[in-house]
Structure formats: structure tokens, C-alpha cells
């Protein structure tokens, strides 16, 4: 079952994988959460290809838990909360990492964390940071070709690739680099937070500052969010600005556009 456009590499791979197994692919065009839930419940033993946003929608608006057979998530990183939710309601969860220029780079068949995208495929050479605290671009080589992905990552001790966001999303606070995904994962671990997106905003002294846009599922203040972050992050990574919204704007693809949010906040 393919919940993403087949003109993107991820959706195309899902369709071709079904055809290779001589299975008729189910391409879901209607992205309404109720329709997705209906399709999942009526189609047993389906491998579901989708982006995290669609799994979040499908899991959030149901009176009863939505159970999947197998999930393959790609396109943007899972959050820790969403990963745990779909793990509880699925026989198997995969997180794939790739890009249009290469296709699949790696896949985790049981992600240990939201940043875990598994070990790189054997025919690829992947150059990344040696330490988690470093911010280096993931560079993939195959044959005589080299692709700079624009993603930030490092290899864990077991050889699994960990992805921490986009290089151009890094926030420079007084010369210190902040990866938005790291801050988001701390914020979404706070009880009462449904969703959070972190991006850069202008600052008159530091140049840039960290801003968090949050959808609440409970009651808390901006100061309580900052206090929570202070327990888990260095001071320069703590959001200087916290904005509460009912819904985080997204393009039709379901991916977060930090550039759009930054421009929106700096108008």
C-alpha cells in the first residue's frame, strides 16, 4: 500500500517492489486520515509505504488503535513518540533513508531510535562525522560517482547511520551550531506536547536564535517548555522564542519546510 506519490523515488520503489513480487500495488490518492485508516483496516498483510506525517495523522484521529502489518517510513525523520506508537501497533517497522539521485542508501529493520536509519547498503561508501557532536554532511560514493546529500549524520559504533537533519537547517547561535531535530526531540519528549518544529529566527546580538513552534495536547507555558529544555540541552540550544499554534503549516508532501517557517517568522 503506497501512501506517497509514485513520481517520487520512494513511492516508485514501493510500486516496483510490489510488481516484482507479482502483487498488485495499492496506490492511495486520498490522504484523508479516515480513508487511510479504512484502507489499512480492509487490507491485511499490506506493506505500507508512507511519510511520518501521514502515519501521525492516521494514528491520531482514531477511536481505536490502528494496526499495521508492516510499515516502511521515509521522506522525513520519525519522532521518538511516533516511532514508539507505530512499533506498538505494527508487526514490523522499517525506516528507510535515501535520495532521488541514488535511491535507497540505508534501511533500519527495527530502528533503535528516531535518528536510526540502519546500516548503509554494501555497494555504497558513506562518509560522515566520526562523533555525534560533529555536524558533517553525509557523502555517498558508488563507482566513480559521489553525491553530497545535504543531510547531517554520523555512524554509531555498530555501523548504523544516524541522521540529524539538513545541513542548511543548522542554526548558528553566536557561532555555535544547533541541529533543529535534536531540540525537537527534547521538546516532544515533554508530556503534553503533540508536535514541535524548531527553526532559526533572527537575533540582534547572536545573529540567529532557536525558535520552537509547538502544538499542545496539554496545558503548559512557554517558560515551562524552556525549563524542560534547560534540563536536557546546553543553554545555547534552548529556544529563545516559543510559539503555540493549533496546526503546523505543511506543503502537500507533508514535509516540514523550515525555510518557509523561518521566512514567515522574520517578516
C-alpha atoms as a PDB file:
ATOM      1  CA  UNK A   1       0.000   0.000   0.000  1.00  0.00           C
ATOM      2  CA  UNK A   2       1.595   3.238  -1.161  1.00  0.00           C
ATOM      3  CA  UNK A   3       0.586   6.458   0.589  1.00  0.00           C
ATOM      4  CA  UNK A   4       3.105   8.657  -1.227  1.00  0.00           C
ATOM      5  CA  UNK A   5       3.249   9.925  -4.833  1.00  0.00           C
ATOM      6  CA  UNK A   6       4.722   7.359  -7.230  1.00  0.00           C
ATOM      7  CA  UNK A   7       6.522  10.130  -9.112  1.00  0.00           C
ATOM      8  CA  UNK A   8       8.849  10.388  -6.085  1.00  0.00           C
ATOM      9  CA  UNK A   9      11.598   7.775  -5.813  1.00  0.00           C
ATOM     10  CA  UNK A  10      10.240   6.311  -2.564  1.00  0.00           C
ATOM     11  CA  UNK A  11       6.757   5.777  -3.957  1.00  0.00           C
ATOM     12  CA  UNK A  12       8.150   4.432  -7.239  1.00  0.00           C
ATOM     13  CA  UNK A  13      10.301   1.893  -5.380  1.00  0.00           C
ATOM     14  CA  UNK A  14       7.263   0.766  -3.408  1.00  0.00           C
ATOM     15  CA  UNK A  15       5.270   0.219  -6.599  1.00  0.00           C
ATOM     16  CA  UNK A  16       8.116  -1.626  -8.328  1.00  0.00           C
ATOM     17  CA  UNK A  17       8.711  -3.796  -5.236  1.00  0.00           C
ATOM     18  CA  UNK A  18       5.064  -4.904  -5.324  1.00  0.00           C
ATOM     19  CA  UNK A  19       5.214  -5.652  -9.050  1.00  0.00           C
ATOM     20  CA  UNK A  20       8.453  -7.607  -8.588  1.00  0.00           C
ATOM     21  CA  UNK A  21       6.614  -9.831  -6.081  1.00  0.00           C
ATOM     22  CA  UNK A  22       3.698 -10.147  -8.550  1.00  0.00           C
ATOM     23  CA  UNK A  23       1.448  -8.269  -6.155  1.00  0.00           C
ATOM     24  CA  UNK A  24      -0.967  -5.597  -7.340  1.00  0.00           C
ATOM     25  CA  UNK A  25       0.154  -2.305  -5.732  1.00  0.00           C
ATOM     26  CA  UNK A  26      -2.485  -0.308  -3.864  1.00  0.00           C
ATOM     27  CA  UNK A  27      -1.868   3.387  -4.528  1.00  0.00           C
ATOM     28  CA  UNK A  28      -3.805   5.589  -2.118  1.00  0.00           C
ATOM     29  CA  UNK A  29      -4.505   9.021  -3.597  1.00  0.00           C
ATOM     30  CA  UNK A  30      -6.957  10.279  -0.958  1.00  0.00           C
ATOM     31  CA  UNK A  31      -4.823  11.304   2.046  1.00  0.00           C
ATOM     32  CA  UNK A  32      -7.787  11.889   4.360  1.00  0.00           C
ATOM     33  CA  UNK A  33      -6.892  10.126   7.675  1.00  0.00           C
ATOM     34  CA  UNK A  34     -10.269   8.349   7.810  1.00  0.00           C
ATOM     35  CA  UNK A  35      -9.789   6.993   4.288  1.00  0.00           C
ATOM     36  CA  UNK A  36      -6.243   5.847   5.063  1.00  0.00           C
ATOM     37  CA  UNK A  37      -7.466   4.095   8.222  1.00  0.00           C
ATOM     38  CA  UNK A  38     -10.257   2.403   6.263  1.00  0.00           C
ATOM     39  CA  UNK A  39      -7.794   1.164   3.630  1.00  0.00           C
ATOM     40  CA  UNK A  40      -5.362  -0.159   6.260  1.00  0.00           C
ATOM     41  CA  UNK A  41      -8.118  -1.994   8.143  1.00  0.00           C
ATOM     42  CA  UNK A  42      -9.551  -3.521   4.959  1.00  0.00           C
ATOM     43  CA  UNK A  43      -6.210  -4.691   3.566  1.00  0.00           C
ATOM     44  CA  UNK A  44      -4.477  -7.288   5.694  1.00  0.00           C
ATOM     45  CA  UNK A  45      -0.791  -8.137   5.373  1.00  0.00           C
ATOM     46  CA  UNK A  46      -0.053  -4.961   3.418  1.00  0.00           C
ATOM     47  CA  UNK A  47       3.382  -3.361   3.487  1.00  0.00           C
ATOM     48  CA  UNK A  48       2.569   0.332   3.900  1.00  0.00           C
ATOM     49  CA  UNK A  49       4.890   2.936   2.363  1.00  0.00           C
ATOM     50  CA  UNK A  50       4.428   6.414   3.825  1.00  0.00           C
ATOM     51  CA  UNK A  51       5.915   9.549   5.360  1.00  0.00           C
ATOM     52  CA  UNK A  52       5.814  10.174   9.139  1.00  0.00           C
ATOM     53  CA  UNK A  53       3.205  12.917   8.838  1.00  0.00           C
ATOM     54  CA  UNK A  54       0.667  10.519   7.299  1.00  0.00           C
ATOM     55  CA  UNK A  55       1.334   7.870   9.957  1.00  0.00           C
ATOM     56  CA  UNK A  56       0.896  10.571  12.600  1.00  0.00           C
ATOM     57  CA  UNK A  57      -2.454  11.597  11.106  1.00  0.00           C
ATOM     58  CA  UNK A  58      -3.673   8.032  10.700  1.00  0.00           C
ATOM     59  CA  UNK A  59      -2.741   7.147  14.287  1.00  0.00           C
ATOM     60  CA  UNK A  60      -4.016  10.335  15.920  1.00  0.00           C
ATOM     61  CA  UNK A  61      -7.609  10.563  14.744  1.00  0.00           C
ATOM     62  CA  UNK A  62      -8.882   7.068  15.542  1.00  0.00           C
ATOM     63  CA  UNK A  63     -11.024   5.983  18.476  1.00  0.00           C
ATOM     64  CA  UNK A  64      -9.327   2.590  18.413  1.00  0.00           C
ATOM     65  CA  UNK A  65      -5.621   1.933  17.687  1.00  0.00           C
ATOM     66  CA  UNK A  66      -4.832   1.474  14.020  1.00  0.00           C
ATOM     67  CA  UNK A  67      -2.859  -1.735  13.499  1.00  0.00           C
ATOM     68  CA  UNK A  68      -0.447  -2.140  10.600  1.00  0.00           C
ATOM     69  CA  UNK A  69       1.202  -5.263   9.228  1.00  0.00           C
ATOM     70  CA  UNK A  70       4.489  -3.711   8.108  1.00  0.00           C
ATOM     71  CA  UNK A  71       5.446  -0.052   7.779  1.00  0.00           C
ATOM     72  CA  UNK A  72       8.229   1.474   5.704  1.00  0.00           C
ATOM     73  CA  UNK A  73       8.709   5.128   6.626  1.00  0.00           C
ATOM     74  CA  UNK A  74      10.834   7.562   4.650  1.00  0.00           C
ATOM     75  CA  UNK A  75      10.885  11.113   3.302  1.00  0.00           C
ATOM     76  CA  UNK A  76      11.495  12.769   6.679  1.00  0.00           C
ATOM     77  CA  UNK A  77      12.622  11.546  10.114  1.00  0.00           C
ATOM     78  CA  UNK A  78      10.267   9.892  12.566  1.00  0.00           C
ATOM     79  CA  UNK A  79       9.878  11.407  16.018  1.00  0.00           C
ATOM     80  CA  UNK A  80      10.627   9.221  19.038  1.00  0.00           C
ATOM     81  CA  UNK A  81       6.987   9.296  20.168  1.00  0.00           C
ATOM     82  CA  UNK A  82       5.655   8.348  16.733  1.00  0.00           C
ATOM     83  CA  UNK A  83       8.229   5.562  16.393  1.00  0.00           C
ATOM     84  CA  UNK A  84       7.123   4.027  19.701  1.00  0.00           C
ATOM     85  CA  UNK A  85       3.441   4.379  18.753  1.00  0.00           C
ATOM     86  CA  UNK A  86       3.734   2.616  15.397  1.00  0.00           C
ATOM     87  CA  UNK A  87       6.056  -0.024  16.871  1.00  0.00           C
ATOM     88  CA  UNK A  88       3.322  -0.948  19.362  1.00  0.00           C
ATOM     89  CA  UNK A  89       0.747  -1.186  16.572  1.00  0.00           C
ATOM     90  CA  UNK A  90       2.812  -2.908  13.844  1.00  0.00           C
ATOM     91  CA  UNK A  91       4.438  -6.278  13.359  1.00  0.00           C
ATOM     92  CA  UNK A  92       7.468  -4.616  11.766  1.00  0.00           C
ATOM     93  CA  UNK A  93       8.700  -1.043  11.294  1.00  0.00           C
ATOM     94  CA  UNK A  94      11.365  -0.047   8.791  1.00  0.00           C
ATOM     95  CA  UNK A  95      12.910   3.385   8.401  1.00  0.00           C
ATOM     96  CA  UNK A  96      14.467   3.981   5.003  1.00  0.00           C
ATOM     97  CA  UNK A  97      16.950   6.707   4.116  1.00  0.00           C
ATOM     98  CA  UNK A  98      17.687   7.693   0.538  1.00  0.00           C
ATOM     99  CA  UNK A  99      17.543  10.371  -2.124  1.00  0.00           C
ATOM    100  CA  UNK A 100      16.337  10.650  -5.704  1.00  0.00           C
ATOM    101  CA  UNK A 101      19.874  10.632  -7.146  1.00  0.00           C
ATOM    102  CA  UNK A 102      20.771   7.257  -5.606  1.00  0.00           C
ATOM    103  CA  UNK A 103      17.609   5.624  -4.306  1.00  0.00           C
ATOM    104  CA  UNK A 104      17.893   3.714  -1.056  1.00  0.00           C
ATOM    105  CA  UNK A 105      21.070   4.426   0.936  1.00  0.00           C
ATOM    106  CA  UNK A 106      20.229   2.502   4.103  1.00  0.00           C
ATOM    107  CA  UNK A 107      17.280   0.921   5.882  1.00  0.00           C
ATOM    108  CA  UNK A 108      16.713   0.055   9.544  1.00  0.00           C
ATOM    109  CA  UNK A 109      14.532  -3.023  10.020  1.00  0.00           C
ATOM    110  CA  UNK A 110      13.953  -2.228  13.700  1.00  0.00           C
ATOM    111  CA  UNK A 111      15.064   1.370  14.391  1.00  0.00           C
ATOM    112  CA  UNK A 112      16.638   1.739  17.832  1.00  0.00           C
ATOM    113  CA  UNK A 113      15.753   5.444  17.809  1.00  0.00           C
ATOM    114  CA  UNK A 114      14.122   8.011  15.554  1.00  0.00           C
ATOM    115  CA  UNK A 115      17.518   9.001  14.119  1.00  0.00           C
ATOM    116  CA  UNK A 116      18.487   5.391  13.269  1.00  0.00           C
ATOM    117  CA  UNK A 117      18.228   4.637   9.533  1.00  0.00           C
ATOM    118  CA  UNK A 118      20.240   1.419   9.568  1.00  0.00           C
ATOM    119  CA  UNK A 119      23.495   0.305   8.002  1.00  0.00           C
ATOM    120  CA  UNK A 120      24.406   1.633   4.539  1.00  0.00           C
ATOM    121  CA  UNK A 121      23.871  -0.787   1.663  1.00  0.00           C
ATOM    122  CA  UNK A 122      27.046  -2.802   0.905  1.00  0.00           C
ATOM    123  CA  UNK A 123      27.628  -1.352  -2.586  1.00  0.00           C
ATOM    124  CA  UNK A 124      27.805   2.207  -1.198  1.00  0.00           C
ATOM    125  CA  UNK A 125      30.580   4.059   0.626  1.00  0.00           C
ATOM    126  CA  UNK A 126      29.313   6.592   3.153  1.00  0.00           C
ATOM    127  CA  UNK A 127      31.464   9.327   4.680  1.00  0.00           C
ATOM    128  CA  UNK A 128      30.053  11.021   7.796  1.00  0.00           C
ATOM    129  CA  UNK A 129      31.143  12.556  11.088  1.00  0.00           C
ATOM    130  CA  UNK A 130      33.094  10.358  13.493  1.00  0.00           C
ATOM    131  CA  UNK A 131      31.426  11.860  16.564  1.00  0.00           C
ATOM    132  CA  UNK A 132      27.794  12.693  17.328  1.00  0.00           C
ATOM    133  CA  UNK A 133      28.805  16.182  18.458  1.00  0.00           C
ATOM    134  CA  UNK A 134      30.208  16.997  14.997  1.00  0.00           C
ATOM    135  CA  UNK A 135      27.998  18.239  12.178  1.00  0.00           C
ATOM    136  CA  UNK A 136      29.233  16.737   8.914  1.00  0.00           C
ATOM    137  CA  UNK A 137      27.382  16.177   5.687  1.00  0.00           C
ATOM    138  CA  UNK A 138      26.568  12.620   4.608  1.00  0.00           C
ATOM    139  CA  UNK A 139      28.521  11.963   1.397  1.00  0.00           C
ATOM    140  CA  UNK A 140      27.744   8.808  -0.573  1.00  0.00           C
ATOM    141  CA  UNK A 141      30.041   7.271  -3.192  1.00  0.00           C
ATOM    142  CA  UNK A 142      29.381   4.451  -5.636  1.00  0.00           C
ATOM    143  CA  UNK A 143      31.682   3.609  -8.526  1.00  0.00           C
ATOM    144  CA  UNK A 144      33.058   6.889  -9.859  1.00  0.00           C
ATOM    145  CA  UNK A 145      30.108   8.888  -8.568  1.00  0.00           C
ATOM    146  CA  UNK A 146      29.865  10.977  -5.398  1.00  0.00           C
ATOM    147  CA  UNK A 147      26.663  12.517  -4.032  1.00  0.00           C
ATOM    148  CA  UNK A 148      26.571  15.173  -1.313  1.00  0.00           C
ATOM    149  CA  UNK A 149      23.200  14.577   0.315  1.00  0.00           C
ATOM    150  CA  UNK A 150      22.887  17.814   2.289  1.00  0.00           C
ATOM    151  CA  UNK A 151      21.986  15.760   5.386  1.00  0.00           C
ATOM    152  CA  UNK A 152      23.809  15.754   8.724  1.00  0.00           C
ATOM    153  CA  UNK A 153      24.806  12.370  10.099  1.00  0.00           C
ATOM    154  CA  UNK A 154      27.274  10.101  11.844  1.00  0.00           C
ATOM    155  CA  UNK A 155      27.865   6.369  12.200  1.00  0.00           C
ATOM    156  CA  UNK A 156      27.081   4.760  15.555  1.00  0.00           C
ATOM    157  CA  UNK A 157      29.501   2.146  16.997  1.00  0.00           C
ATOM    158  CA  UNK A 158      27.516  -0.698  15.385  1.00  0.00           C
ATOM    159  CA  UNK A 159      27.816   0.923  11.940  1.00  0.00           C
ATOM    160  CA  UNK A 160      24.255   2.243  11.743  1.00  0.00           C
ATOM    161  CA  UNK A 161      23.767   5.611  10.094  1.00  0.00           C
ATOM    162  CA  UNK A 162      22.173   8.281  12.295  1.00  0.00           C
ATOM    163  CA  UNK A 163      20.523  11.284  10.615  1.00  0.00           C
ATOM    164  CA  UNK A 164      20.137  14.569  12.488  1.00  0.00           C
ATOM    165  CA  UNK A 165      18.594  16.851   9.892  1.00  0.00           C
ATOM    166  CA  UNK A 166      19.587  19.030   6.957  1.00  0.00           C
ATOM    167  CA  UNK A 167      22.855  20.937   6.715  1.00  0.00           C
ATOM    168  CA  UNK A 168      21.052  24.096   5.610  1.00  0.00           C
ATOM    169  CA  UNK A 169      18.683  23.842   8.605  1.00  0.00           C
ATOM    170  CA  UNK A 170      21.512  24.290  11.128  1.00  0.00           C
ATOM    171  CA  UNK A 171      21.033  27.303  13.393  1.00  0.00           C
ATOM    172  CA  UNK A 172      24.137  29.360  14.165  1.00  0.00           C
ATOM    173  CA  UNK A 173      23.795  30.846  17.661  1.00  0.00           C
ATOM    174  CA  UNK A 174      26.762  33.100  18.344  1.00  0.00           C
ATOM    175  CA  UNK A 175      28.959  30.820  16.227  1.00  0.00           C
ATOM    176  CA  UNK A 176      27.668  27.584  17.820  1.00  0.00           C
ATOM    177  CA  UNK A 177      25.739  25.120  15.659  1.00  0.00           C
ATOM    178  CA  UNK A 178      22.314  23.789  16.668  1.00  0.00           C
ATOM    179  CA  UNK A 179      20.564  20.908  14.881  1.00  0.00           C
ATOM    180  CA  UNK A 180      16.779  21.533  14.974  1.00  0.00           C
ATOM    181  CA  UNK A 181      15.929  17.820  15.200  1.00  0.00           C
ATOM    182  CA  UNK A 182      17.875  17.448  18.435  1.00  0.00           C
ATOM    183  CA  UNK A 183      15.864  20.252  20.059  1.00  0.00           C
ATOM    184  CA  UNK A 184      12.581  18.934  18.634  1.00  0.00           C
ATOM    185  CA  UNK A 185      13.156  15.510  20.136  1.00  0.00           C
ATOM    186  CA  UNK A 186      13.720  17.022  23.563  1.00  0.00           C
ATOM    187  CA  UNK A 187      10.566  19.143  23.293  1.00  0.00           C
ATOM    188  CA  UNK A 188       8.346  16.291  22.054  1.00  0.00           C
ATOM    189  CA  UNK A 189       9.516  14.124  24.963  1.00  0.00           C
ATOM    190  CA  UNK A 190       7.768  16.601  27.294  1.00  0.00           C
ATOM    191  CA  UNK A 191       4.290  15.461  28.403  1.00  0.00           C
ATOM    192  CA  UNK A 192       1.540  17.499  26.793  1.00  0.00           C
ATOM    193  CA  UNK A 193       3.369  18.187  23.517  1.00  0.00           C
ATOM    194  CA  UNK A 194       1.684  16.810  20.381  1.00  0.00           C
ATOM    195  CA  UNK A 195       4.140  18.170  17.820  1.00  0.00           C
ATOM    196  CA  UNK A 196       7.033  20.596  17.588  1.00  0.00           C
ATOM    197  CA  UNK A 197       9.128  22.164  14.849  1.00  0.00           C
ATOM    198  CA  UNK A 198      12.313  24.112  15.511  1.00  0.00           C
ATOM    199  CA  UNK A 199      13.844  26.628  13.116  1.00  0.00           C
ATOM    200  CA  UNK A 200      16.062  29.699  13.054  1.00  0.00           C
ATOM    201  CA  UNK A 201      14.946  33.227  13.757  1.00  0.00           C
ATOM    202  CA  UNK A 202      16.892  36.493  13.678  1.00  0.00           C
ATOM    203  CA  UNK A 203      18.569  37.813  16.828  1.00  0.00           C
ATOM    204  CA  UNK A 204      20.057  41.322  17.190  1.00  0.00           C
ATOM    205  CA  UNK A 205      23.115  40.129  19.144  1.00  0.00           C
ATOM    206  CA  UNK A 206      23.676  36.438  18.372  1.00  0.00           C
ATOM    207  CA  UNK A 207      22.760  36.675  14.685  1.00  0.00           C
ATOM    208  CA  UNK A 208      20.388  33.719  14.926  1.00  0.00           C
ATOM    209  CA  UNK A 209      18.347  32.172  17.720  1.00  0.00           C
ATOM    210  CA  UNK A 210      16.343  28.985  18.219  1.00  0.00           C
ATOM    211  CA  UNK A 211      12.570  29.214  17.776  1.00  0.00           C
ATOM    212  CA  UNK A 212      10.092  26.438  18.572  1.00  0.00           C
ATOM    213  CA  UNK A 213       6.598  26.176  17.077  1.00  0.00           C
ATOM    214  CA  UNK A 214       4.504  23.824  19.194  1.00  0.00           C
ATOM    215  CA  UNK A 215       1.137  22.097  19.020  1.00  0.00           C
ATOM    216  CA  UNK A 216      -0.014  21.378  22.567  1.00  0.00           C
ATOM    217  CA  UNK A 217      -2.069  18.398  23.709  1.00  0.00           C
ATOM    218  CA  UNK A 218      -1.994  19.668  27.295  1.00  0.00           C
ATOM    219  CA  UNK A 219      -1.537  22.871  29.234  1.00  0.00           C
ATOM    220  CA  UNK A 220       1.892  24.399  29.613  1.00  0.00           C
ATOM    221  CA  UNK A 221       3.533  27.787  29.221  1.00  0.00           C
ATOM    222  CA  UNK A 222       6.451  28.840  27.061  1.00  0.00           C
ATOM    223  CA  UNK A 223       8.555  29.206  30.207  1.00  0.00           C
ATOM    224  CA  UNK A 224       7.802  25.603  31.218  1.00  0.00           C
ATOM    225  CA  UNK A 225       8.927  24.423  27.775  1.00  0.00           C
ATOM    226  CA  UNK A 226      12.181  26.359  28.145  1.00  0.00           C
ATOM    227  CA  UNK A 227      12.710  24.978  31.664  1.00  0.00           C
ATOM    228  CA  UNK A 228      12.286  21.438  30.310  1.00  0.00           C
ATOM    229  CA  UNK A 229      14.849  22.143  27.589  1.00  0.00           C
ATOM    230  CA  UNK A 230      17.312  23.564  30.126  1.00  0.00           C
ATOM    231  CA  UNK A 231      17.376  20.181  31.868  1.00  0.00           C
ATOM    232  CA  UNK A 232      18.295  18.371  28.649  1.00  0.00           C
ATOM    233  CA  UNK A 233      20.235  20.827  26.478  1.00  0.00           C
ATOM    234  CA  UNK A 234      23.124  23.301  26.674  1.00  0.00           C
ATOM    235  CA  UNK A 235      21.933  26.907  27.176  1.00  0.00           C
ATOM    236  CA  UNK A 236      22.572  27.989  23.566  1.00  0.00           C
ATOM    237  CA  UNK A 237      20.238  25.235  22.258  1.00  0.00           C
ATOM    238  CA  UNK A 238      17.298  26.271  24.457  1.00  0.00           C
ATOM    239  CA  UNK A 239      14.595  28.015  22.373  1.00  0.00           C
ATOM    240  CA  UNK A 240      14.620  31.755  22.877  1.00  0.00           C
ATOM    241  CA  UNK A 241      11.179  32.001  21.266  1.00  0.00           C
ATOM    242  CA  UNK A 242       8.273  29.594  21.793  1.00  0.00           C
ATOM    243  CA  UNK A 243       5.108  29.930  19.701  1.00  0.00           C
ATOM    244  CA  UNK A 244       1.982  27.817  20.264  1.00  0.00           C
ATOM    245  CA  UNK A 245      -0.205  27.041  17.245  1.00  0.00           C
ATOM    246  CA  UNK A 246      -3.183  24.799  16.520  1.00  0.00           C
ATOM    247  CA  UNK A 247      -1.549  23.295  13.431  1.00  0.00           C
ATOM    248  CA  UNK A 248       1.915  23.474  11.885  1.00  0.00           C
ATOM    249  CA  UNK A 249       1.790  24.587   8.224  1.00  0.00           C
ATOM    250  CA  UNK A 250       2.909  21.925   5.738  1.00  0.00           C
ATOM    251  CA  UNK A 251       3.076  21.664   1.942  1.00  0.00           C
ATOM    252  CA  UNK A 252       1.076  18.892   0.191  1.00  0.00           C
ATOM    253  CA  UNK A 253       4.036  16.488   0.522  1.00  0.00           C
ATOM    254  CA  UNK A 254       3.607  16.524   4.296  1.00  0.00           C
ATOM    255  CA  UNK A 255       7.229  17.507   4.843  1.00  0.00           C
ATOM    256  CA  UNK A 256       8.172  20.319   7.188  1.00  0.00           C
ATOM    257  CA  UNK A 257       9.507  23.444   5.457  1.00  0.00           C
ATOM    258  CA  UNK A 258      11.812  25.143   7.973  1.00  0.00           C
ATOM    259  CA  UNK A 259      12.761  27.741   5.359  1.00  0.00           C
ATOM    260  CA  UNK A 260       9.124  28.741   4.992  1.00  0.00           C
ATOM    261  CA  UNK A 261       8.650  28.902   8.760  1.00  0.00           C
ATOM    262  CA  UNK A 262      11.810  30.997   9.193  1.00  0.00           C
ATOM    263  CA  UNK A 263      10.745  33.452   6.477  1.00  0.00           C
ATOM    264  CA  UNK A 264       7.249  33.573   7.940  1.00  0.00           C
ATOM    265  CA  UNK A 265       8.639  34.434  11.375  1.00  0.00           C
ATOM    266  CA  UNK A 266      11.050  37.081  10.118  1.00  0.00           C
ATOM    267  CA  UNK A 267       8.564  39.129   8.097  1.00  0.00           C
END
